[in-house]
Amino acid sequence: MFNQIDETMKDALQVDCKRYAPSIEIISVRVTKPRIPERVRRNFEQMEEEHTKVLVAVERQRVAEKETVTQKKIAITEAEKNAYVSKIVMEQKLMEKDSLRMQEEIENAMYIAREKSLADAKYYQTMKEAETNKLKLTPQFPELKFIEAISNNAKMFFGNKILNMLMDKRLLGNFLRDFLGRNVSYISCAKDCGKYVSNLMEI
């Protein structure tokens, strides 16, 4: 700042002259540049270097602090973004699970309704079959089944004598009575049995 020392000295002297000697006016000041000893100059340069190093260190620290703050803000922003994304993903998964649960509940309700309907239909069918079987259960029904069994297993015998046959005399007698219009309570004779059976087979 040696180039500004002339004007600085002039202004300082003029202020004092106005205060203590108002009639004096300073026109100009010229200060010759002094010759600084080498030792002083080196000390001054070292001081300036140290001062510069301090300023550089302070600036680096300030930059490092700013970088740390910036990295912290970036980390916070990244964490908030990840948290927000995780929240959205979690809500989406919960919605999907709720949707699947509702779908399963609907399918279960449909399955229960279908099974109940089938069970009701089966129960109705069973009851109707039971009622039908009740109506079928008459004295003539066992006789009909007996005749059907006899006719399915019918055998033809030829000859004057037929062996005695083991059969339900009551059922056969009822059938013959209804079929021939006669009172036949039972058949004990092999000859008569052969006669009636032969007539039945011809018919």
C-alpha atoms as a PDB file:
ATOM      1  CA  MET A   1       0.000   0.000   0.000  1.00  0.00           C
ATOM      2  CA  PHE A   2       3.047   2.328  -0.422  1.00  0.00           C
ATOM      3  CA  ASN A   3       1.430   4.014  -3.433  1.00  0.00           C
ATOM      4  CA  GLN A   4      -1.331   5.357  -1.163  1.00  0.00           C
ATOM      5  CA  ILE A   5       0.872   6.677   1.635  1.00  0.00           C
ATOM      6  CA  ASP A   6       1.304  10.163   0.110  1.00  0.00           C
ATOM      7  CA  GLU A   7      -2.378  10.973   0.048  1.00  0.00           C
ATOM      8  CA  THR A   8      -2.891   9.390   3.471  1.00  0.00           C
ATOM      9  CA  MET A   9      -0.135  11.525   5.021  1.00  0.00           C
ATOM     10  CA  LYS A  10      -1.434  14.699   3.309  1.00  0.00           C
ATOM     11  CA  ASP A  11      -4.944  14.200   4.644  1.00  0.00           C
ATOM     12  CA  ALA A  12      -3.693  13.428   8.166  1.00  0.00           C
ATOM     13  CA  LEU A  13      -1.459  16.533   8.264  1.00  0.00           C
ATOM     14  CA  GLN A  14      -4.235  18.763   6.895  1.00  0.00           C
ATOM     15  CA  VAL A  15      -6.591  17.615   9.627  1.00  0.00           C
ATOM     16  CA  ASP A  16      -4.053  18.543  12.312  1.00  0.00           C
ATOM     17  CA  CYS A  17      -3.275  21.926  10.598  1.00  0.00           C
ATOM     18  CA  LYS A  18      -6.941  22.860  10.497  1.00  0.00           C
ATOM     19  CA  ARG A  19      -7.169  22.078  14.147  1.00  0.00           C
ATOM     20  CA  TYR A  20      -3.995  23.686  15.455  1.00  0.00           C
ATOM     21  CA  ALA A  21      -2.921  26.114  12.619  1.00  0.00           C
ATOM     22  CA  PRO A  22      -5.852  27.076  10.416  1.00  0.00           C
ATOM     23  CA  SER A  23      -3.755  29.303   8.145  1.00  0.00           C
ATOM     24  CA  ILE A  24      -1.523  26.442   6.939  1.00  0.00           C
ATOM     25  CA  GLU A  25      -2.609  24.426   3.880  1.00  0.00           C
ATOM     26  CA  ILE A  26      -0.860  21.205   2.862  1.00  0.00           C
ATOM     27  CA  ILE A  27      -0.559  21.042  -0.914  1.00  0.00           C
ATOM     28  CA  SER A  28       1.278  17.738  -1.341  1.00  0.00           C
ATOM     29  CA  VAL A  29       3.352  15.182   0.508  1.00  0.00           C
ATOM     30  CA  ARG A  30       6.050  12.990  -0.934  1.00  0.00           C
ATOM     31  CA  VAL A  31       7.374  10.029   1.031  1.00  0.00           C
ATOM     32  CA  THR A  32      10.476   8.329  -0.244  1.00  0.00           C
ATOM     33  CA  LYS A  33      10.267   4.550  -0.255  1.00  0.00           C
ATOM     34  CA  PRO A  34      12.484   3.314   2.561  1.00  0.00           C
ATOM     35  CA  ARG A  35      15.017   0.576   2.154  1.00  0.00           C
ATOM     36  CA  ILE A  36      14.015  -2.351   4.312  1.00  0.00           C
ATOM     37  CA  PRO A  37      16.806  -4.475   5.791  1.00  0.00           C
ATOM     38  CA  GLU A  38      17.053  -8.004   4.420  1.00  0.00           C
ATOM     39  CA  ARG A  39      16.400  -9.596   7.812  1.00  0.00           C
ATOM     40  CA  VAL A  40      13.253  -7.535   8.325  1.00  0.00           C
ATOM     41  CA  ARG A  41      12.111  -8.259   4.800  1.00  0.00           C
ATOM     42  CA  ARG A  42      12.574 -12.021   5.300  1.00  0.00           C
ATOM     43  CA  ASN A  43      10.722 -11.914   8.579  1.00  0.00           C
ATOM     44  CA  PHE A  44       7.928  -9.965   6.955  1.00  0.00           C
ATOM     45  CA  GLU A  45       7.760 -12.410   4.031  1.00  0.00           C
ATOM     46  CA  GLN A  46       7.699 -15.369   6.430  1.00  0.00           C
ATOM     47  CA  MET A  47       4.917 -13.704   8.366  1.00  0.00           C
ATOM     48  CA  GLU A  48       3.043 -13.141   5.168  1.00  0.00           C
ATOM     49  CA  GLU A  49       3.582 -16.796   4.185  1.00  0.00           C
ATOM     50  CA  GLU A  50       2.357 -17.982   7.567  1.00  0.00           C
ATOM     51  CA  HIS A  51      -0.587 -15.665   7.352  1.00  0.00           C
ATOM     52  CA  THR A  52      -1.335 -16.965   3.887  1.00  0.00           C
ATOM     53  CA  LYS A  53      -1.020 -20.567   5.126  1.00  0.00           C
ATOM     54  CA  VAL A  54      -3.416 -19.777   7.950  1.00  0.00           C
ATOM     55  CA  LEU A  55      -5.850 -18.240   5.512  1.00  0.00           C
ATOM     56  CA  VAL A  56      -5.495 -21.247   3.226  1.00  0.00           C
ATOM     57  CA  ALA A  57      -6.042 -23.632   6.164  1.00  0.00           C
ATOM     58  CA  VAL A  58      -9.064 -21.682   7.315  1.00  0.00           C
ATOM     59  CA  GLU A  59     -10.437 -21.688   3.790  1.00  0.00           C
ATOM     60  CA  ARG A  60      -9.824 -25.416   3.456  1.00  0.00           C
ATOM     61  CA  GLN A  61     -11.557 -26.011   6.766  1.00  0.00           C
ATOM     62  CA  ARG A  62     -14.447 -23.884   5.627  1.00  0.00           C
ATOM     63  CA  VAL A  63     -14.620 -25.820   2.357  1.00  0.00           C
ATOM     64  CA  ALA A  64     -14.422 -29.117   4.253  1.00  0.00           C
ATOM     65  CA  GLU A  65     -17.219 -27.999   6.568  1.00  0.00           C
ATOM     66  CA  LYS A  66     -19.306 -26.979   3.595  1.00  0.00           C
ATOM     67  CA  GLU A  67     -18.613 -30.332   1.920  1.00  0.00           C
ATOM     68  CA  THR A  68     -19.548 -32.131   5.147  1.00  0.00           C
ATOM     69  CA  VAL A  69     -22.754 -30.126   5.416  1.00  0.00           C
ATOM     70  CA  THR A  70     -23.462 -30.788   1.752  1.00  0.00           C
ATOM     71  CA  GLN A  71     -22.811 -34.528   2.133  1.00  0.00           C
ATOM     72  CA  LYS A  72     -25.000 -34.572   5.229  1.00  0.00           C
ATOM     73  CA  LYS A  73     -27.804 -32.861   3.337  1.00  0.00           C
ATOM     74  CA  ILE A  74     -27.351 -35.278   0.451  1.00  0.00           C
ATOM     75  CA  ALA A  75     -27.425 -38.246   2.855  1.00  0.00           C
ATOM     76  CA  ILE A  76     -30.532 -36.884   4.581  1.00  0.00           C
ATOM     77  CA  THR A  77     -32.206 -36.300   1.225  1.00  0.00           C
ATOM     78  CA  GLU A  78     -31.257 -39.796   0.056  1.00  0.00           C
ATOM     79  CA  ALA A  79     -32.525 -41.343   3.310  1.00  0.00           C
ATOM     80  CA  GLU A  80     -35.792 -39.409   3.065  1.00  0.00           C
ATOM     81  CA  LYS A  81     -36.180 -40.500  -0.542  1.00  0.00           C
ATOM     82  CA  ASN A  82     -35.493 -44.154   0.352  1.00  0.00           C
ATOM     83  CA  ALA A  83     -37.903 -43.922   3.288  1.00  0.00           C
ATOM     84  CA  TYR A  84     -40.581 -42.431   1.041  1.00  0.00           C
ATOM     85  CA  VAL A  85     -40.017 -45.128  -1.606  1.00  0.00           C
ATOM     86  CA  SER A  86     -40.089 -47.847   1.082  1.00  0.00           C
ATOM     87  CA  LYS A  87     -43.335 -46.423   2.432  1.00  0.00           C
ATOM     88  CA  ILE A  88     -44.891 -46.459  -1.031  1.00  0.00           C
ATOM     89  CA  VAL A  89     -43.688 -50.032  -1.656  1.00  0.00           C
ATOM     90  CA  MET A  90     -45.017 -51.137   1.747  1.00  0.00           C
ATOM     91  CA  GLU A  91     -48.395 -49.512   1.088  1.00  0.00           C
ATOM     92  CA  GLN A  92     -48.510 -51.200  -2.307  1.00  0.00           C
ATOM     93  CA  LYS A  93     -47.733 -54.597  -0.752  1.00  0.00           C
ATOM     94  CA  LEU A  94     -50.378 -54.040   1.928  1.00  0.00           C
ATOM     95  CA  MET A  95     -52.915 -53.130  -0.755  1.00  0.00           C
ATOM     96  CA  GLU A  96     -51.997 -56.257  -2.734  1.00  0.00           C
ATOM     97  CA  LYS A  97     -52.351 -58.421   0.393  1.00  0.00           C
ATOM     98  CA  ASP A  98     -55.705 -56.809   1.211  1.00  0.00           C
ATOM     99  CA  SER A  99     -56.820 -57.453  -2.357  1.00  0.00           C
ATOM    100  CA  LEU A 100     -55.708 -61.100  -2.162  1.00  0.00           C
ATOM    101  CA  ARG A 101     -57.415 -61.492   1.221  1.00  0.00           C
ATOM    102  CA  MET A 102     -60.659 -60.057  -0.124  1.00  0.00           C
ATOM    103  CA  GLN A 103     -60.406 -62.297  -3.174  1.00  0.00           C
ATOM    104  CA  GLU A 104     -59.863 -65.356  -0.957  1.00  0.00           C
ATOM    105  CA  GLU A 105     -62.804 -64.355   1.236  1.00  0.00           C
ATOM    106  CA  ILE A 106     -65.015 -64.045  -1.855  1.00  0.00           C
ATOM    107  CA  GLU A 107     -63.802 -67.411  -3.184  1.00  0.00           C
ATOM    108  CA  ASN A 108     -64.368 -69.031   0.226  1.00  0.00           C
ATOM    109  CA  ALA A 109     -67.865 -67.563   0.425  1.00  0.00           C
ATOM    110  CA  MET A 110     -68.615 -68.820  -3.100  1.00  0.00           C
ATOM    111  CA  TYR A 111     -67.230 -72.268  -2.213  1.00  0.00           C
ATOM    112  CA  ILE A 112     -69.290 -72.439   0.986  1.00  0.00           C
ATOM    113  CA  ALA A 113     -72.425 -71.330  -0.855  1.00  0.00           C
ATOM    114  CA  ARG A 114     -71.810 -73.891  -3.613  1.00  0.00           C
ATOM    115  CA  GLU A 115     -71.146 -76.705  -1.133  1.00  0.00           C
ATOM    116  CA  LYS A 116     -74.217 -75.730   0.869  1.00  0.00           C
ATOM    117  CA  SER A 117     -76.304 -75.725  -2.287  1.00  0.00           C
ATOM    118  CA  LEU A 118     -74.956 -79.164  -3.261  1.00  0.00           C
ATOM    119  CA  ALA A 119     -75.594 -80.463   0.261  1.00  0.00           C
ATOM    120  CA  ASP A 120     -79.152 -79.086   0.194  1.00  0.00           C
ATOM    121  CA  ALA A 121     -79.720 -80.660  -3.211  1.00  0.00           C
ATOM    122  CA  LYS A 122     -78.292 -83.974  -1.990  1.00  0.00           C
ATOM    123  CA  TYR A 123     -80.465 -83.807   1.142  1.00  0.00           C
ATOM    124  CA  TYR A 124     -83.551 -83.015  -0.977  1.00  0.00           C
ATOM    125  CA  GLN A 125     -82.713 -85.880  -3.347  1.00  0.00           C
ATOM    126  CA  THR A 126     -82.199 -88.288  -0.445  1.00  0.00           C
ATOM    127  CA  MET A 127     -85.461 -87.227   1.182  1.00  0.00           C
ATOM    128  CA  LYS A 128     -87.338 -87.626  -2.094  1.00  0.00           C
ATOM    129  CA  GLU A 129     -85.781 -91.065  -2.642  1.00  0.00           C
ATOM    130  CA  ALA A 130     -86.766 -92.028   0.897  1.00  0.00           C
ATOM    131  CA  GLU A 131     -90.333 -90.868   0.255  1.00  0.00           C
ATOM    132  CA  THR A 132     -90.352 -92.755  -3.048  1.00  0.00           C
ATOM    133  CA  ASN A 133     -89.028 -95.891  -1.366  1.00  0.00           C
ATOM    134  CA  LYS A 134     -91.715 -95.509   1.300  1.00  0.00           C
ATOM    135  CA  LEU A 135     -94.342 -95.393  -1.417  1.00  0.00           C
ATOM    136  CA  LYS A 136     -92.767 -98.408  -3.100  1.00  0.00           C
ATOM    137  CA  LEU A 137     -92.694-100.381   0.133  1.00  0.00           C
ATOM    138  CA  THR A 138     -95.959-102.282  -0.366  1.00  0.00           C
ATOM    139  CA  PRO A 139     -96.708-106.007   0.049  1.00  0.00           C
ATOM    140  CA  GLN A 140     -96.436-106.417  -3.736  1.00  0.00           C
ATOM    141  CA  PHE A 141     -92.916-104.838  -4.003  1.00  0.00           C
ATOM    142  CA  PRO A 142     -90.968-107.697  -2.285  1.00  0.00           C
ATOM    143  CA  GLU A 143     -92.981-110.174  -4.349  1.00  0.00           C
ATOM    144  CA  LEU A 144     -91.996-108.300  -7.531  1.00  0.00           C
ATOM    145  CA  LYS A 145     -88.337-108.390  -6.552  1.00  0.00           C
ATOM    146  CA  PHE A 146     -88.645-112.069  -5.753  1.00  0.00           C
ATOM    147  CA  ILE A 147     -90.199-112.805  -9.167  1.00  0.00           C
ATOM    148  CA  GLU A 148     -87.489-110.744 -10.914  1.00  0.00           C
ATOM    149  CA  ALA A 149     -84.776-112.700  -9.082  1.00  0.00           C
ATOM    150  CA  ILE A 150     -86.441-116.009  -9.982  1.00  0.00           C
ATOM    151  CA  SER A 151     -86.835-115.012 -13.634  1.00  0.00           C
ATOM    152  CA  ASN A 152     -83.185-113.898 -13.897  1.00  0.00           C
ATOM    153  CA  ASN A 153     -82.021-117.225 -12.514  1.00  0.00           C
ATOM    154  CA  ALA A 154     -84.639-119.368 -14.292  1.00  0.00           C
ATOM    155  CA  LYS A 155     -83.664-122.883 -15.316  1.00  0.00           C
ATOM    156  CA  MET A 156     -85.640-125.278 -17.497  1.00  0.00           C
ATOM    157  CA  PHE A 157     -86.098-128.870 -16.417  1.00  0.00           C
ATOM    158  CA  PHE A 158     -87.457-131.677 -18.600  1.00  0.00           C
ATOM    159  CA  GLY A 159     -88.985-134.907 -17.274  1.00  0.00           C
ATOM    160  CA  ASN A 160     -91.919-136.354 -15.445  1.00  0.00           C
ATOM    161  CA  LYS A 161     -90.545-135.527 -11.994  1.00  0.00           C
ATOM    162  CA  ILE A 162     -89.016-132.312 -10.722  1.00  0.00           C
ATOM    163  CA  LEU A 163     -86.872-132.195  -7.643  1.00  0.00           C
ATOM    164  CA  ASN A 164     -88.238-130.469  -4.591  1.00  0.00           C
ATOM    165  CA  MET A 165     -87.390-126.740  -4.648  1.00  0.00           C
ATOM    166  CA  LEU A 166     -86.593-124.556  -1.633  1.00  0.00           C
ATOM    167  CA  MET A 167     -88.410-121.281  -1.993  1.00  0.00           C
ATOM    168  CA  ASP A 168     -90.561-118.810  -0.095  1.00  0.00           C
ATOM    169  CA  LYS A 169     -93.940-120.489  -0.270  1.00  0.00           C
ATOM    170  CA  ARG A 170     -95.768-117.370   0.868  1.00  0.00           C
ATOM    171  CA  LEU A 171     -94.331-115.184  -1.915  1.00  0.00           C
ATOM    172  CA  LEU A 172     -94.820-117.809  -4.598  1.00  0.00           C
ATOM    173  CA  GLY A 173     -98.316-118.554  -3.368  1.00  0.00           C
ATOM    174  CA  ASN A 174     -99.271-114.862  -3.444  1.00  0.00           C
ATOM    175  CA  PHE A 175     -97.867-114.496  -6.937  1.00  0.00           C
ATOM    176  CA  LEU A 176     -99.691-117.563  -8.230  1.00  0.00           C
ATOM    177  CA  ARG A 177    -102.903-116.501  -6.530  1.00  0.00           C
ATOM    178  CA  ASP A 178    -102.771-113.056  -8.127  1.00  0.00           C
ATOM    179  CA  PHE A 179    -101.650-114.409 -11.489  1.00  0.00           C
ATOM    180  CA  LEU A 180    -104.042-117.354 -11.808  1.00  0.00           C
ATOM    181  CA  GLY A 181    -106.915-115.879  -9.816  1.00  0.00           C
ATOM    182  CA  ARG A 182    -106.975-118.839  -7.464  1.00  0.00           C
ATOM    183  CA  ASN A 183    -106.352-119.387  -3.720  1.00  0.00           C
ATOM    184  CA  VAL A 184    -103.025-121.128  -3.512  1.00  0.00           C
ATOM    185  CA  SER A 185    -101.608-120.910   0.007  1.00  0.00           C
ATOM    186  CA  TYR A 186     -98.534-123.038  -0.514  1.00  0.00           C
ATOM    187  CA  ILE A 187     -97.203-125.875  -2.647  1.00  0.00           C
ATOM    188  CA  SER A 188     -96.030-129.011  -0.948  1.00  0.00           C
ATOM    189  CA  CYS A 189     -96.195-131.580  -3.687  1.00  0.00           C
ATOM    190  CA  ALA A 190     -93.394-131.776  -6.225  1.00  0.00           C
ATOM    191  CA  LYS A 191     -95.823-132.786  -8.924  1.00  0.00           C
ATOM    192  CA  ASP A 192     -98.089-129.736  -8.414  1.00  0.00           C
ATOM    193  CA  CYS A 193     -95.035-127.478  -8.105  1.00  0.00           C
ATOM    194  CA  GLY A 194     -93.698-128.728 -11.434  1.00  0.00           C
ATOM    195  CA  LYS A 195     -97.081-128.145 -13.041  1.00  0.00           C
ATOM    196  CA  TYR A 196     -97.401-124.535 -11.920  1.00  0.00           C
ATOM    197  CA  VAL A 197     -93.770-123.709 -12.646  1.00  0.00           C
ATOM    198  CA  SER A 198     -94.104-125.196 -16.131  1.00  0.00           C
ATOM    199  CA  ASN A 199     -97.200-123.073 -16.769  1.00  0.00           C
ATOM    200  CA  LEU A 200     -95.325-119.999 -15.506  1.00  0.00           C
ATOM    201  CA  MET A 201     -92.304-120.660 -17.764  1.00  0.00           C
ATOM    202  CA  GLU A 202     -94.564-121.080 -20.804  1.00  0.00           C
ATOM    203  CA  ILE A 203     -96.226-117.740 -20.079  1.00  0.00           C
END
